[in-house]
All heavy atoms as atom14 arrays in JSON, in Angstrom:
{
  "sequence": "NTFATPINQNPLALGADIVLHSASKYLGGHADALGGVICGSKKLV",
  "atom14_mask": [
    [1, 1, 1, 1, 1, 1, 1, 1, 0, 0, 0, 0, 0, 0],
    [1, 1, 1, 1, 1, 1, 1, 0, 0, 0, 0, 0, 0, 0],
    [1, 1, 1, 1, 1, 1, 1, 1, 1, 1, 1, 0, 0, 0],
    [1, 1, 1, 1, 1, 0, 0, 0, 0, 0, 0, 0, 0, 0],
    [1, 1, 1, 1, 1, 1, 1, 0, 0, 0, 0, 0, 0, 0],
    [1, 1, 1, 1, 1, 1, 1, 0, 0, 0, 0, 0, 0, 0],
    [1, 1, 1, 1, 1, 1, 1, 1, 0, 0, 0, 0, 0, 0],
    [1, 1, 1, 1, 1, 1, 1, 1, 0, 0, 0, 0, 0, 0],
    [1, 1, 1, 1, 1, 1, 1, 1, 1, 0, 0, 0, 0, 0],
    [1, 1, 1, 1, 1, 1, 1, 1, 0, 0, 0, 0, 0, 0],
    [1, 1, 1, 1, 1, 1, 1, 0, 0, 0, 0, 0, 0, 0],
    [1, 1, 1, 1, 1, 1, 1, 1, 0, 0, 0, 0, 0, 0],
    [1, 1, 1, 1, 1, 0, 0, 0, 0, 0, 0, 0, 0, 0],
    [1, 1, 1, 1, 1, 1, 1, 1, 0, 0, 0, 0, 0, 0],
    [1, 1, 1, 1, 0, 0, 0, 0, 0, 0, 0, 0, 0, 0],
    [1, 1, 1, 1, 1, 0, 0, 0, 0, 0, 0, 0, 0, 0],
    [1, 1, 1, 1, 1, 1, 1, 1, 0, 0, 0, 0, 0, 0],
    [1, 1, 1, 1, 1, 1, 1, 1, 0, 0, 0, 0, 0, 0],
    [1, 1, 1, 1, 1, 1, 1, 0, 0, 0, 0, 0, 0, 0],
    [1, 1, 1, 1, 1, 1, 1, 1, 0, 0, 0, 0, 0, 0],
    [1, 1, 1, 1, 1, 1, 1, 1, 1, 1, 0, 0, 0, 0],
    [1, 1, 1, 1, 1, 1, 0, 0, 0, 0, 0, 0, 0, 0],
    [1, 1, 1, 1, 1, 0, 0, 0, 0, 0, 0, 0, 0, 0],
    [1, 1, 1, 1, 1, 1, 0, 0, 0, 0, 0, 0, 0, 0],
    [1, 1, 1, 1, 1, 1, 1, 1, 1, 0, 0, 0, 0, 0],
    [1, 1, 1, 1, 1, 1, 1, 1, 1, 1, 1, 1, 0, 0],
    [1, 1, 1, 1, 1, 1, 1, 1, 0, 0, 0, 0, 0, 0],
    [1, 1, 1, 1, 0, 0, 0, 0, 0, 0, 0, 0, 0, 0],
    [1, 1, 1, 1, 0, 0, 0, 0, 0, 0, 0, 0, 0, 0],
    [1, 1, 1, 1, 1, 1, 1, 1, 1, 1, 0, 0, 0, 0],
    [1, 1, 1, 1, 1, 0, 0, 0, 0, 0, 0, 0, 0, 0],
    [1, 1, 1, 1, 1, 1, 1, 1, 0, 0, 0, 0, 0, 0],
    [1, 1, 1, 1, 1, 0, 0, 0, 0, 0, 0, 0, 0, 0],
    [1, 1, 1, 1, 1, 1, 1, 1, 0, 0, 0, 0, 0, 0],
    [1, 1, 1, 1, 0, 0, 0, 0, 0, 0, 0, 0, 0, 0],
    [1, 1, 1, 1, 0, 0, 0, 0, 0, 0, 0, 0, 0, 0],
    [1, 1, 1, 1, 1, 1, 1, 0, 0, 0, 0, 0, 0, 0],
    [1, 1, 1, 1, 1, 1, 1, 1, 0, 0, 0, 0, 0, 0],
    [1, 1, 1, 1, 1, 1, 0, 0, 0, 0, 0, 0, 0, 0],
    [1, 1, 1, 1, 0, 0, 0, 0, 0, 0, 0, 0, 0, 0],
    [1, 1, 1, 1, 1, 1, 0, 0, 0, 0, 0, 0, 0, 0],
    [1, 1, 1, 1, 1, 1, 1, 1, 1, 0, 0, 0, 0, 0],
    [1, 1, 1, 1, 1, 1, 1, 1, 1, 0, 0, 0, 0, 0],
    [1, 1, 1, 1, 1, 1, 1, 1, 0, 0, 0, 0, 0, 0],
    [1, 1, 1, 1, 1, 1, 1, 0, 0, 0, 0, 0, 0, 0]
  ],
  "atom14_positions": [
    [[-83.85, -47.04, -34.29], [-82.78, -47.19, -33.29], [-81.56, -46.23, -33.59], [-80.45, -46.66, -33.07], [-82.43, -48.72, -33.27], [-81.75, -49.11, -31.91], [-82.04, -48.44, -30.93], [-80.68, -49.97, -32.02], [0.0, 0.0, 0.0], [0.0, 0.0, 0.0], [0.0, 0.0, 0.0], [0.0, 0.0, 0.0], [0.0, 0.0, 0.0], [0.0, 0.0, 0.0]],
    [[-81.77, -45.32, -34.38], [-80.58, -44.49, -34.99], [-79.8, -43.85, -33.83], [-78.64, -43.97, -33.75], [-81.1, -43.48, -35.92], [-81.73, -44.16, -37.06], [-79.92, -42.59, -36.38], [0.0, 0.0, 0.0], [0.0, 0.0, 0.0], [0.0, 0.0, 0.0], [0.0, 0.0, 0.0], [0.0, 0.0, 0.0], [0.0, 0.0, 0.0], [0.0, 0.0, 0.0]],
    [[-80.54, -43.17, -32.92], [-79.85, -42.55, -31.79], [-79.14, -43.45, -30.86], [-78.1, -43.15, -30.36], [-80.89, -41.63, -31.03], [-81.01, -40.23, -31.55], [-80.8, -39.98, -32.97], [-81.29, -39.24, -30.82], [-80.76, -38.71, -33.45], [-81.51, -37.89, -31.26], [-81.23, -37.61, -32.59], [0.0, 0.0, 0.0], [0.0, 0.0, 0.0], [0.0, 0.0, 0.0]],
    [[-79.77, -44.59, -30.56], [-79.19, -45.48, -29.51], [-77.99, -46.3, -30.12], [-77.01, -46.59, -29.42], [-80.24, -46.47, -29.01], [0.0, 0.0, 0.0], [0.0, 0.0, 0.0], [0.0, 0.0, 0.0], [0.0, 0.0, 0.0], [0.0, 0.0, 0.0], [0.0, 0.0, 0.0], [0.0, 0.0, 0.0], [0.0, 0.0, 0.0], [0.0, 0.0, 0.0]],
    [[-78.11, -46.74, -31.34], [-77.15, -47.63, -32.06], [-77.34, -48.98, -31.48], [-77.8, -49.26, -30.36], [-75.73, -47.24, -31.95], [-75.11, -47.65, -30.65], [-75.53, -45.76, -32.21], [0.0, 0.0, 0.0], [0.0, 0.0, 0.0], [0.0, 0.0, 0.0], [0.0, 0.0, 0.0], [0.0, 0.0, 0.0], [0.0, 0.0, 0.0], [0.0, 0.0, 0.0]],
    [[-76.86, -50.06, -32.22], [-76.84, -51.44, -31.65], [-75.9, -51.76, -30.48], [-76.14, -52.63, -29.75], [-76.4, -52.31, -32.92], [-76.48, -51.39, -34.15], [-76.31, -50.02, -33.67], [0.0, 0.0, 0.0], [0.0, 0.0, 0.0], [0.0, 0.0, 0.0], [0.0, 0.0, 0.0], [0.0, 0.0, 0.0], [0.0, 0.0, 0.0], [0.0, 0.0, 0.0]],
    [[-75.06, -50.72, -30.24], [-74.13, -50.82, -29.1], [-74.83, -50.56, -27.8], [-74.49, -51.3, -26.81], [-72.95, -49.89, -29.26], [-72.26, -50.09, -30.65], [-72.0, -49.91, -28.1], [-71.69, -51.54, -30.81], [0.0, 0.0, 0.0], [0.0, 0.0, 0.0], [0.0, 0.0, 0.0], [0.0, 0.0, 0.0], [0.0, 0.0, 0.0], [0.0, 0.0, 0.0]],
    [[-75.76, -49.65, -27.9], [-76.56, -49.41, -26.67], [-77.9, -49.95, -26.42], [-78.32, -50.13, -25.25], [-76.77, -47.83, -26.64], [-75.43, -47.11, -26.41], [-74.45, -47.54, -25.84], [-75.38, -45.86, -26.95], [0.0, 0.0, 0.0], [0.0, 0.0, 0.0], [0.0, 0.0, 0.0], [0.0, 0.0, 0.0], [0.0, 0.0, 0.0], [0.0, 0.0, 0.0]],
    [[-78.52, -50.43, -27.49], [-79.8, -50.82, -27.36], [-80.17, -51.78, -28.61], [-79.87, -51.49, -29.73], [-80.86, -49.66, -27.5], [-82.29, -49.91, -27.41], [-83.08, -48.59, -27.3], [-83.38, -48.15, -26.22], [-83.44, -48.07, -28.51], [0.0, 0.0, 0.0], [0.0, 0.0, 0.0], [0.0, 0.0, 0.0], [0.0, 0.0, 0.0], [0.0, 0.0, 0.0]],
    [[-80.89, -52.83, -28.25], [-81.31, -53.89, -29.35], [-82.81, -54.1, -29.27], [-83.24, -55.02, -28.51], [-80.52, -55.21, -29.12], [-79.06, -55.0, -29.35], [-78.26, -55.21, -28.28], [-78.63, -54.78, -30.52], [0.0, 0.0, 0.0], [0.0, 0.0, 0.0], [0.0, 0.0, 0.0], [0.0, 0.0, 0.0], [0.0, 0.0, 0.0], [0.0, 0.0, 0.0]],
    [[-83.66, -53.34, -30.05], [-85.09, -53.4, -29.96], [-85.7, -54.8, -30.24], [-86.73, -55.17, -29.72], [-85.55, -52.4, -30.98], [-84.46, -51.41, -30.98], [-83.17, -52.16, -30.89], [0.0, 0.0, 0.0], [0.0, 0.0, 0.0], [0.0, 0.0, 0.0], [0.0, 0.0, 0.0], [0.0, 0.0, 0.0], [0.0, 0.0, 0.0], [0.0, 0.0, 0.0]],
    [[-84.99, -55.61, -31.11], [-85.59, -56.86, -31.45], [-85.52, -57.83, -30.15], [-86.53, -58.52, -30.04], [-84.7, -57.5, -32.58], [-84.69, -56.86, -33.85], [-83.88, -57.65, -34.77], [-86.14, -56.7, -34.41], [0.0, 0.0, 0.0], [0.0, 0.0, 0.0], [0.0, 0.0, 0.0], [0.0, 0.0, 0.0], [0.0, 0.0, 0.0], [0.0, 0.0, 0.0]],
    [[-84.54, -57.56, -29.25], [-84.55, -58.44, -28.02], [-85.65, -57.91, -27.11], [-85.96, -58.67, -26.13], [-83.14, -58.3, -27.46], [0.0, 0.0, 0.0], [0.0, 0.0, 0.0], [0.0, 0.0, 0.0], [0.0, 0.0, 0.0], [0.0, 0.0, 0.0], [0.0, 0.0, 0.0], [0.0, 0.0, 0.0], [0.0, 0.0, 0.0], [0.0, 0.0, 0.0]],
    [[-86.14, -56.76, -27.34], [-87.17, -56.28, -26.47], [-88.63, -56.44, -26.97], [-89.62, -55.98, -26.42], [-86.89, -54.7, -26.28], [-85.57, -54.39, -25.45], [-85.33, -52.81, -25.65], [-85.66, -54.74, -24.02], [0.0, 0.0, 0.0], [0.0, 0.0, 0.0], [0.0, 0.0, 0.0], [0.0, 0.0, 0.0], [0.0, 0.0, 0.0], [0.0, 0.0, 0.0]],
    [[-88.76, -57.12, -28.12], [-89.99, -57.45, -28.74], [-90.4, -56.73, -30.07], [-91.38, -57.08, -30.52], [0.0, 0.0, 0.0], [0.0, 0.0, 0.0], [0.0, 0.0, 0.0], [0.0, 0.0, 0.0], [0.0, 0.0, 0.0], [0.0, 0.0, 0.0], [0.0, 0.0, 0.0], [0.0, 0.0, 0.0], [0.0, 0.0, 0.0], [0.0, 0.0, 0.0]],
    [[-89.52, -55.89, -30.53], [-89.79, -55.27, -31.81], [-89.66, -56.29, -32.98], [-88.97, -57.18, -32.81], [-88.88, -54.05, -31.99], [0.0, 0.0, 0.0], [0.0, 0.0, 0.0], [0.0, 0.0, 0.0], [0.0, 0.0, 0.0], [0.0, 0.0, 0.0], [0.0, 0.0, 0.0], [0.0, 0.0, 0.0], [0.0, 0.0, 0.0], [0.0, 0.0, 0.0]],
    [[-90.4, -55.96, -33.98], [-90.28, -56.86, -35.26], [-89.31, -56.4, -36.26], [-88.67, -57.15, -36.91], [-91.73, -56.89, -35.88], [-92.73, -57.52, -34.99], [-92.57, -58.71, -34.6], [-93.68, -56.84, -34.59], [0.0, 0.0, 0.0], [0.0, 0.0, 0.0], [0.0, 0.0, 0.0], [0.0, 0.0, 0.0], [0.0, 0.0, 0.0], [0.0, 0.0, 0.0]],
    [[-89.27, -55.03, -36.38], [-88.23, -54.35, -37.29], [-87.51, -53.33, -36.62], [-88.03, -52.46, -35.89], [-89.07, -53.75, -38.5], [-89.77, -54.82, -39.37], [-88.04, -52.85, -39.33], [-88.83, -55.57, -40.29], [0.0, 0.0, 0.0], [0.0, 0.0, 0.0], [0.0, 0.0, 0.0], [0.0, 0.0, 0.0], [0.0, 0.0, 0.0], [0.0, 0.0, 0.0]],
    [[-86.26, -53.31, -36.78], [-85.45, -52.21, -36.26], [-84.73, -51.51, -37.37], [-84.27, -52.14, -38.37], [-84.3, -52.7, -35.21], [-83.4, -53.76, -35.83], [-83.55, -51.52, -34.68], [0.0, 0.0, 0.0], [0.0, 0.0, 0.0], [0.0, 0.0, 0.0], [0.0, 0.0, 0.0], [0.0, 0.0, 0.0], [0.0, 0.0, 0.0], [0.0, 0.0, 0.0]],
    [[-84.73, -50.21, -37.42], [-84.18, -49.47, -38.52], [-83.22, -48.42, -38.07], [-83.27, -47.94, -36.95], [-85.17, -48.83, -39.45], [-86.22, -47.77, -38.88], [-85.56, -46.37, -39.05], [-87.44, -47.71, -39.74], [0.0, 0.0, 0.0], [0.0, 0.0, 0.0], [0.0, 0.0, 0.0], [0.0, 0.0, 0.0], [0.0, 0.0, 0.0], [0.0, 0.0, 0.0]],
    [[-82.26, -48.0, -39.01], [-81.25, -47.03, -38.76], [-81.07, -46.07, -39.98], [-81.07, -46.59, -41.03], [-79.91, -47.75, -38.57], [-79.78, -48.55, -37.36], [-79.36, -48.09, -36.08], [-80.07, -49.88, -37.05], [-79.36, -49.09, -35.12], [-79.77, -50.14, -35.76], [0.0, 0.0, 0.0], [0.0, 0.0, 0.0], [0.0, 0.0, 0.0], [0.0, 0.0, 0.0]],
    [[-80.88, -44.88, -39.61], [-80.21, -44.02, -40.64], [-78.72, -44.26, -40.5], [-78.11, -43.79, -39.58], [-80.52, -42.55, -40.37], [-79.8, -41.71, -41.24], [0.0, 0.0, 0.0], [0.0, 0.0, 0.0], [0.0, 0.0, 0.0], [0.0, 0.0, 0.0], [0.0, 0.0, 0.0], [0.0, 0.0, 0.0], [0.0, 0.0, 0.0], [0.0, 0.0, 0.0]],
    [[-78.26, -45.01, -41.37], [-76.82, -45.48, -41.42], [-75.88, -44.29, -41.59], [-74.62, -44.34, -41.32], [-76.51, -46.58, -42.39], [0.0, 0.0, 0.0], [0.0, 0.0, 0.0], [0.0, 0.0, 0.0], [0.0, 0.0, 0.0], [0.0, 0.0, 0.0], [0.0, 0.0, 0.0], [0.0, 0.0, 0.0], [0.0, 0.0, 0.0], [0.0, 0.0, 0.0]],
    [[-76.4, -43.17, -42.12], [-75.57, -41.95, -42.38], [-75.08, -41.41, -41.02], [-74.14, -40.62, -41.04], [-76.46, -40.91, -43.01], [-77.29, -41.41, -44.0], [0.0, 0.0, 0.0], [0.0, 0.0, 0.0], [0.0, 0.0, 0.0], [0.0, 0.0, 0.0], [0.0, 0.0, 0.0], [0.0, 0.0, 0.0], [0.0, 0.0, 0.0], [0.0, 0.0, 0.0]],
    [[-75.74, -41.75, -39.98], [-75.34, -41.24, -38.59], [-74.27, -42.07, -37.97], [-73.14, -42.09, -38.4], [-76.59, -41.19, -37.85], [-77.75, -40.49, -38.53], [-77.45, -39.08, -39.03], [-78.8, -38.33, -39.47], [-79.45, -38.93, -40.67], [0.0, 0.0, 0.0], [0.0, 0.0, 0.0], [0.0, 0.0, 0.0], [0.0, 0.0, 0.0], [0.0, 0.0, 0.0]],
    [[-74.65, -42.63, -36.88], [-73.6, -43.41, -36.01], [-72.96, -44.54, -36.8], [-71.81, -44.85, -36.46], [-74.24, -43.84, -34.67], [-74.4, -42.76, -33.76], [-75.69, -42.09, -33.57], [-73.36, -42.34, -32.86], [-75.81, -41.16, -32.66], [-73.54, -41.26, -32.01], [-74.78, -40.58, -31.86], [-74.96, -39.63, -30.97], [0.0, 0.0, 0.0], [0.0, 0.0, 0.0]],
    [[-73.65, -45.38, -37.47], [-73.15, -46.54, -38.1], [-71.93, -46.23, -38.95], [-70.85, -46.73, -38.76], [-74.18, -47.3, -38.95], [-75.36, -47.98, -38.18], [-76.16, -48.74, -39.02], [-74.97, -48.69, -37.0], [0.0, 0.0, 0.0], [0.0, 0.0, 0.0], [0.0, 0.0, 0.0], [0.0, 0.0, 0.0], [0.0, 0.0, 0.0], [0.0, 0.0, 0.0]],
    [[-72.1, -45.24, -39.91], [-71.01, -44.79, -40.68], [-70.04, -43.92, -39.9], [-68.76, -44.08, -39.92], [0.0, 0.0, 0.0], [0.0, 0.0, 0.0], [0.0, 0.0, 0.0], [0.0, 0.0, 0.0], [0.0, 0.0, 0.0], [0.0, 0.0, 0.0], [0.0, 0.0, 0.0], [0.0, 0.0, 0.0], [0.0, 0.0, 0.0], [0.0, 0.0, 0.0]],
    [[-70.48, -42.98, -39.09], [-69.8, -42.26, -38.16], [-68.86, -41.2, -38.69], [-68.19, -40.56, -37.89], [0.0, 0.0, 0.0], [0.0, 0.0, 0.0], [0.0, 0.0, 0.0], [0.0, 0.0, 0.0], [0.0, 0.0, 0.0], [0.0, 0.0, 0.0], [0.0, 0.0, 0.0], [0.0, 0.0, 0.0], [0.0, 0.0, 0.0], [0.0, 0.0, 0.0]],
    [[-68.79, -40.99, -40.02], [-67.74, -39.92, -40.49], [-68.44, -38.98, -41.45], [-67.77, -38.17, -42.12], [-66.68, -40.7, -41.24], [-65.8, -41.44, -40.26], [-66.18, -42.71, -39.74], [-64.59, -41.14, -39.73], [-65.25, -43.15, -38.97], [-64.27, -42.28, -38.97], [0.0, 0.0, 0.0], [0.0, 0.0, 0.0], [0.0, 0.0, 0.0], [0.0, 0.0, 0.0]],
    [[-69.8, -38.95, -41.47], [-70.45, -37.97, -42.33], [-70.15, -37.91, -43.75], [-70.08, -36.87, -44.38], [-70.33, -36.62, -41.65], [0.0, 0.0, 0.0], [0.0, 0.0, 0.0], [0.0, 0.0, 0.0], [0.0, 0.0, 0.0], [0.0, 0.0, 0.0], [0.0, 0.0, 0.0], [0.0, 0.0, 0.0], [0.0, 0.0, 0.0], [0.0, 0.0, 0.0]],
    [[-69.75, -39.12, -44.27], [-69.37, -39.09, -45.64], [-70.05, -40.11, -46.54], [-69.61, -40.43, -47.66], [-67.8, -39.37, -45.76], [-67.43, -40.76, -45.05], [-68.3, -41.44, -44.59], [-66.18, -41.03, -45.02], [0.0, 0.0, 0.0], [0.0, 0.0, 0.0], [0.0, 0.0, 0.0], [0.0, 0.0, 0.0], [0.0, 0.0, 0.0], [0.0, 0.0, 0.0]],
    [[-71.14, -40.72, -45.99], [-71.91, -41.68, -46.75], [-73.4, -41.67, -46.32], [-73.62, -41.58, -45.11], [-71.33, -43.16, -46.47], [0.0, 0.0, 0.0], [0.0, 0.0, 0.0], [0.0, 0.0, 0.0], [0.0, 0.0, 0.0], [0.0, 0.0, 0.0], [0.0, 0.0, 0.0], [0.0, 0.0, 0.0], [0.0, 0.0, 0.0], [0.0, 0.0, 0.0]],
    [[-74.37, -41.7, -47.24], [-75.67, -41.78, -47.04], [-76.16, -43.21, -47.07], [-75.63, -44.0, -47.95], [-76.53, -41.02, -48.03], [-76.62, -39.46, -47.83], [-77.31, -38.86, -49.08], [-77.54, -39.15, -46.68], [0.0, 0.0, 0.0], [0.0, 0.0, 0.0], [0.0, 0.0, 0.0], [0.0, 0.0, 0.0], [0.0, 0.0, 0.0], [0.0, 0.0, 0.0]],
    [[-77.18, -43.58, -46.15], [-77.57, -45.0, -46.24], [-78.64, -45.16, -45.17], [-78.68, -44.54, -44.13], [0.0, 0.0, 0.0], [0.0, 0.0, 0.0], [0.0, 0.0, 0.0], [0.0, 0.0, 0.0], [0.0, 0.0, 0.0], [0.0, 0.0, 0.0], [0.0, 0.0, 0.0], [0.0, 0.0, 0.0], [0.0, 0.0, 0.0], [0.0, 0.0, 0.0]],
    [[-79.4, -46.21, -45.23], [-80.38, -46.76, -44.28], [-80.42, -48.22, -44.34], [-79.94, -48.92, -45.27], [0.0, 0.0, 0.0], [0.0, 0.0, 0.0], [0.0, 0.0, 0.0], [0.0, 0.0, 0.0], [0.0, 0.0, 0.0], [0.0, 0.0, 0.0], [0.0, 0.0, 0.0], [0.0, 0.0, 0.0], [0.0, 0.0, 0.0], [0.0, 0.0, 0.0]],
    [[-80.97, -48.73, -43.27], [-80.92, -50.22, -43.22], [-82.09, -50.71, -42.28], [-82.3, -49.91, -41.15], [-79.59, -50.8, -42.7], [-79.26, -50.34, -41.31], [-79.5, -52.37, -42.7], [0.0, 0.0, 0.0], [0.0, 0.0, 0.0], [0.0, 0.0, 0.0], [0.0, 0.0, 0.0], [0.0, 0.0, 0.0], [0.0, 0.0, 0.0], [0.0, 0.0, 0.0]],
    [[-82.71, -51.81, -42.48], [-83.61, -52.39, -41.51], [-83.2, -53.76, -41.24], [-82.65, -54.47, -42.04], [-85.18, -52.41, -42.0], [-85.3, -53.36, -43.16], [-85.56, -51.02, -42.34], [-86.64, -53.83, -43.32], [0.0, 0.0, 0.0], [0.0, 0.0, 0.0], [0.0, 0.0, 0.0], [0.0, 0.0, 0.0], [0.0, 0.0, 0.0], [0.0, 0.0, 0.0]],
    [[-83.57, -54.31, -39.98], [-83.25, -55.77, -39.64], [-84.48, -56.31, -39.03], [-85.32, -55.6, -38.48], [-82.1, -55.76, -38.63], [-80.53, -54.94, -39.17], [0.0, 0.0, 0.0], [0.0, 0.0, 0.0], [0.0, 0.0, 0.0], [0.0, 0.0, 0.0], [0.0, 0.0, 0.0], [0.0, 0.0, 0.0], [0.0, 0.0, 0.0], [0.0, 0.0, 0.0]],
    [[-84.6, -57.6, -39.09], [-85.75, -58.29, -38.52], [-85.82, -59.72, -38.92], [-84.65, -60.32, -39.33], [0.0, 0.0, 0.0], [0.0, 0.0, 0.0], [0.0, 0.0, 0.0], [0.0, 0.0, 0.0], [0.0, 0.0, 0.0], [0.0, 0.0, 0.0], [0.0, 0.0, 0.0], [0.0, 0.0, 0.0], [0.0, 0.0, 0.0], [0.0, 0.0, 0.0]],
    [[-87.02, -60.34, -38.94], [-87.08, -61.71, -39.24], [-86.95, -61.79, -40.8], [-87.24, -60.78, -41.49], [-88.47, -62.24, -38.92], [-89.48, -61.6, -39.68], [0.0, 0.0, 0.0], [0.0, 0.0, 0.0], [0.0, 0.0, 0.0], [0.0, 0.0, 0.0], [0.0, 0.0, 0.0], [0.0, 0.0, 0.0], [0.0, 0.0, 0.0], [0.0, 0.0, 0.0]],
    [[-86.54, -62.97, -41.29], [-86.39, -63.04, -42.69], [-87.68, -62.87, -43.48], [-87.74, -62.15, -44.6], [-85.97, -64.61, -43.08], [-85.47, -64.78, -44.5], [-84.96, -66.11, -44.64], [-84.58, -66.38, -46.14], [-84.0, -67.77, -46.43], [0.0, 0.0, 0.0], [0.0, 0.0, 0.0], [0.0, 0.0, 0.0], [0.0, 0.0, 0.0], [0.0, 0.0, 0.0]],
    [[-88.78, -63.39, -42.87], [-90.09, -63.14, -43.47], [-90.54, -61.72, -43.73], [-90.96, -61.31, -44.84], [-91.14, -63.86, -42.7], [-92.56, -63.83, -43.23], [-93.52, -64.48, -42.34], [-95.01, -64.44, -42.85], [-95.94, -65.07, -41.96], [0.0, 0.0, 0.0], [0.0, 0.0, 0.0], [0.0, 0.0, 0.0], [0.0, 0.0, 0.0], [0.0, 0.0, 0.0]],
    [[-90.36, -60.87, -42.65], [-90.69, -59.47, -42.83], [-89.73, -58.66, -43.67], [-90.07, -57.9, -44.43], [-90.81, -58.9, -41.48], [-91.94, -59.3, -40.48], [-91.83, -58.58, -39.12], [-93.22, -59.11, -41.21], [0.0, 0.0, 0.0], [0.0, 0.0, 0.0], [0.0, 0.0, 0.0], [0.0, 0.0, 0.0], [0.0, 0.0, 0.0], [0.0, 0.0, 0.0]],
    [[-88.34, -58.93, -43.54], [-87.43, -58.26, -44.21], [-87.58, -58.53, -45.78], [-87.28, -57.6, -46.58], [-86.01, -58.65, -43.74], [-84.92, -58.06, -44.65], [-85.74, -57.99, -42.33], [0.0, 0.0, 0.0], [0.0, 0.0, 0.0], [0.0, 0.0, 0.0], [0.0, 0.0, 0.0], [0.0, 0.0, 0.0], [0.0, 0.0, 0.0], [0.0, 0.0, 0.0]]
  ]
}
């Protein structure tokens, strides 16, 4: 969901099990930090 961001799109609400982001992109937004993140059910995460 990196390109869409949680602001524009929420895949979990559409039936996905895991949503992931390259946090280095829109989440951080300032090109000064590397990171990634996934979200989902507690069991899968």
